[in-house]
């Protein structure tokens, strides 16, 4: 933790760049620093091999069906049984 306090700006830059850093106190892990959740560099993930690019050009169109009753009526019917 002493090193973290002395180099906090540099450590945060490393975490922002995608590195996951484990903070220890007397050799015991106490925290993990890393990039914000949801922030993934897809090109880097593919290069590292933990993401596989899609192989098709998209999803098939789904055929729509006409409802025989409004959804609220179907829910009411289902709940009454």
Protein backbone atom coordinates (compact mmCIF):
# COMPACT_ATOMS: atom_id res chain seq x y z
CA UNK A 1 0.00 0.00 0.00
CA UNK A 2 2.95 2.31 0.61
CA UNK A 3 4.00 1.92 -3.03
CA UNK A 4 0.43 2.57 -4.16
CA UNK A 5 0.30 5.85 -2.25
CA UNK A 6 3.59 6.96 -3.77
CA UNK A 7 2.66 6.03 -7.36
CA UNK A 8 -1.12 6.39 -7.39
CA UNK A 9 -1.32 8.45 -10.61
CA UNK A 10 0.82 5.96 -12.54
CA UNK A 11 -1.10 2.98 -11.16
CA UNK A 12 -4.43 4.56 -12.12
CA UNK A 13 -3.14 5.19 -15.64
CA UNK A 14 -2.17 1.52 -15.92
CA UNK A 15 -5.62 0.48 -14.68
CA UNK A 16 -7.32 2.84 -17.15
CA UNK A 17 -5.26 1.23 -19.92
CA UNK A 18 -6.79 -2.14 -19.06
CA UNK A 19 -4.35 -3.65 -16.57
CA UNK A 20 -5.81 -5.32 -13.48
CA UNK A 21 -3.71 -4.52 -10.40
CA UNK A 22 -3.94 -6.32 -7.06
CA UNK A 23 -3.26 -4.13 -4.01
CA UNK A 24 -1.75 -5.97 -1.05
CA UNK A 25 -1.23 -5.08 2.61
CA UNK A 26 1.68 -7.00 4.14
CA UNK A 27 1.44 -9.56 1.34
CA UNK A 28 -2.32 -10.10 1.71
CA UNK A 29 -4.56 -9.01 -1.22
CA UNK A 30 -6.98 -6.29 -0.10
CA UNK A 31 -8.23 -4.69 -3.34
CA UNK A 32 -8.19 -4.95 -7.10
CA UNK A 33 -7.88 -1.94 -9.41
CA UNK A 34 -8.79 -2.15 -13.06
CA UNK A 35 -10.64 -0.50 -15.91
CA UNK A 36 -14.28 0.49 -15.39
CA UNK A 37 -16.71 -2.40 -15.81
CA UNK A 38 -18.06 -2.68 -19.32
CA UNK A 39 -15.03 -0.99 -20.90
CA UNK A 40 -13.48 -3.62 -23.15
CA UNK A 41 -11.08 -3.01 -26.01
CA UNK A 42 -12.44 -5.60 -28.45
CA UNK A 43 -9.44 -5.46 -30.76
CA UNK A 44 -7.09 -6.15 -27.84
CA UNK A 45 -9.39 -8.91 -26.57
CA UNK A 46 -9.34 -10.62 -29.97
CA UNK A 47 -5.54 -10.24 -30.15
CA UNK A 48 -5.22 -11.81 -26.67
CA UNK A 49 -7.45 -14.69 -27.74
CA UNK A 50 -10.22 -14.44 -25.15
CA UNK A 51 -12.77 -13.05 -27.62
CA UNK A 52 -13.64 -14.70 -30.91
CA UNK A 53 -14.98 -12.45 -33.70
CA UNK A 54 -18.41 -13.23 -35.10
CA UNK A 55 -18.43 -15.52 -38.11
CA UNK A 56 -21.78 -14.57 -39.64
CA UNK A 57 -22.90 -11.29 -41.10
CA UNK A 58 -25.85 -10.83 -38.79
CA UNK A 59 -28.96 -12.34 -37.31
CA UNK A 60 -31.81 -13.84 -39.29
CA UNK A 61 -34.98 -11.85 -39.37
CA UNK A 62 -37.59 -13.17 -36.95
CA UNK A 63 -41.04 -13.93 -38.31
CA UNK A 64 -43.67 -11.91 -36.48
CA UNK A 65 -46.89 -13.44 -35.23
CA UNK A 66 -50.21 -11.70 -34.73
CA UNK A 67 -51.42 -11.83 -31.14
CA UNK A 68 -54.87 -13.25 -30.58
CA UNK A 69 -55.43 -10.97 -27.56
CA UNK A 70 -53.74 -8.02 -25.86
CA UNK A 71 -50.83 -8.95 -23.59
CA UNK A 72 -52.60 -7.61 -20.49
CA UNK A 73 -55.53 -9.96 -21.16
CA UNK A 74 -53.21 -12.93 -21.65
CA UNK A 75 -51.50 -12.12 -18.33
CA UNK A 76 -54.82 -11.82 -16.53
CA UNK A 77 -55.95 -15.13 -18.01
CA UNK A 78 -52.71 -16.83 -17.00
CA UNK A 79 -52.86 -15.49 -13.45
CA UNK A 80 -56.47 -16.61 -12.92
CA UNK A 81 -55.71 -20.27 -13.66
